[in-house]
Amino acid sequence: MSEEKVDISRALKSAITTGKVEFGVDQTEKAIRAGKAQMIVLARNCPSESLKGEVGVKVHIYDGNNMELGALCGKPFSVSALAVIDKGTSNILTL
């Protein structure tokens, strides 16, 4: 289990720095509708029921809450959902 956390942490940081990631429920939903999202990551306590359903892209439920996901992404705010538009050099799509 701890290997997965290290992997998602490293993969997310790499995707954020070398690729393109949209943060927030609204931005994530827009990216999915526009067909840009390759994958979405949701915090365990993400409030959006529509994102938890069948969205047509790969979904990873992060084991922590939105505050922990925000901290993992290096953001000074909580992140309930994020969309990976371009993975960059990360291996995030293998999760």
Protein backbone atom coordinates (compact mmCIF):
# COMPACT_ATOMS: atom_id res chain seq x y z
CA MET A 1 0.00 0.00 0.00
CA SER A 2 2.79 2.47 0.83
CA GLU A 3 4.38 1.83 -2.59
CA GLU A 4 1.17 3.05 -4.25
CA LYS A 5 1.27 6.31 -2.28
CA VAL A 6 4.89 6.95 -3.25
CA ASP A 7 4.02 6.12 -6.85
CA ILE A 8 0.98 8.43 -7.03
CA SER A 9 2.91 11.17 -5.28
CA ARG A 10 5.84 10.97 -7.67
CA ALA A 11 3.60 10.51 -10.72
CA LEU A 12 1.37 13.47 -9.80
CA LYS A 13 4.29 15.79 -9.13
CA SER A 14 5.87 14.80 -12.44
CA ALA A 15 2.59 15.33 -14.34
CA ILE A 16 2.11 18.76 -12.72
CA THR A 17 5.65 19.95 -13.50
CA THR A 18 6.16 18.42 -16.97
CA GLY A 19 2.62 18.08 -18.31
CA LYS A 20 -0.70 19.89 -18.00
CA VAL A 21 -3.10 19.37 -15.11
CA GLU A 22 -6.38 21.19 -14.40
CA PHE A 23 -7.43 21.56 -10.75
CA GLY A 24 -10.94 21.71 -9.32
CA VAL A 25 -14.26 19.99 -9.90
CA ASP A 26 -15.50 22.56 -12.45
CA GLN A 27 -12.27 22.52 -14.47
CA THR A 28 -12.19 18.71 -14.36
CA GLU A 29 -15.77 18.46 -15.61
CA LYS A 30 -14.99 20.96 -18.42
CA ALA A 31 -11.90 18.98 -19.45
CA ILE A 32 -13.94 15.76 -19.64
CA ARG A 33 -16.71 17.41 -21.68
CA ALA A 34 -14.11 18.89 -24.06
CA GLY A 35 -12.49 15.45 -24.46
CA LYS A 36 -9.14 16.75 -23.16
CA ALA A 37 -8.85 14.72 -19.94
CA GLN A 38 -6.79 11.52 -20.20
CA MET A 39 -7.40 10.66 -16.55
CA ILE A 40 -8.93 12.20 -13.45
CA VAL A 41 -7.88 11.92 -9.82
CA LEU A 42 -10.52 12.42 -7.13
CA ALA A 43 -10.03 12.93 -3.42
CA ARG A 44 -11.84 10.40 -1.25
CA ASN A 45 -14.26 13.15 -0.13
CA CYS A 46 -14.85 14.73 -3.56
CA PRO A 47 -18.34 16.31 -3.45
CA SER A 48 -19.13 15.76 -7.14
CA GLU A 49 -21.37 12.74 -7.66
CA SER A 50 -21.17 13.13 -11.46
CA LEU A 51 -17.39 12.59 -11.42
CA LYS A 52 -17.76 9.42 -9.34
CA GLY A 53 -20.01 7.87 -12.00
CA GLU A 54 -19.11 6.69 -15.49
CA VAL A 55 -17.21 9.60 -17.06
CA GLY A 56 -15.50 7.91 -20.00
CA VAL A 57 -11.94 8.39 -18.77
CA LYS A 58 -9.72 6.58 -16.31
CA VAL A 59 -10.57 7.52 -12.70
CA HIS A 60 -8.21 7.16 -9.74
CA ILE A 61 -9.65 7.68 -6.26
CA TYR A 62 -6.91 9.14 -4.06
CA ASP A 63 -6.89 7.53 -0.61
CA GLY A 64 -6.69 10.89 1.20
CA ASN A 65 -9.07 13.82 1.54
CA ASN A 66 -9.08 17.04 -0.49
CA MET A 67 -6.66 18.81 1.89
CA GLU A 68 -4.14 15.96 1.56
CA LEU A 69 -4.51 15.88 -2.22
CA GLY A 70 -3.96 19.66 -2.38
CA ALA A 71 -0.81 19.33 -0.27
CA LEU A 72 0.42 16.44 -2.44
CA CYS A 73 0.00 18.64 -5.51
CA GLY A 74 1.96 21.43 -3.81
CA LYS A 75 -1.07 23.73 -3.73
CA PRO A 76 -1.96 26.04 -0.81
CA PHE A 77 -5.62 25.01 -1.13
CA SER A 78 -7.69 21.84 -1.09
CA VAL A 79 -8.08 19.88 -4.34
CA SER A 80 -11.12 17.61 -4.62
CA ALA A 81 -10.57 16.71 -8.27
CA LEU A 82 -7.97 17.16 -10.97
CA ALA A 83 -7.78 16.27 -14.62
CA VAL A 84 -4.59 15.12 -16.32
CA ILE A 85 -4.64 16.77 -19.75
CA ASP A 86 -1.05 15.95 -20.68
CA LYS A 87 0.91 13.45 -18.58
CA GLY A 88 4.28 14.95 -19.50
CA THR A 89 7.08 12.63 -18.50
CA SER A 90 5.09 11.01 -15.68
CA ASN A 91 3.77 7.45 -15.55
CA ILE A 92 0.48 8.55 -14.00
CA LEU A 93 -1.68 6.88 -16.64
CA THR A 94 -0.43 3.47 -15.46
CA LEU A 95 -2.16 3.84 -12.06
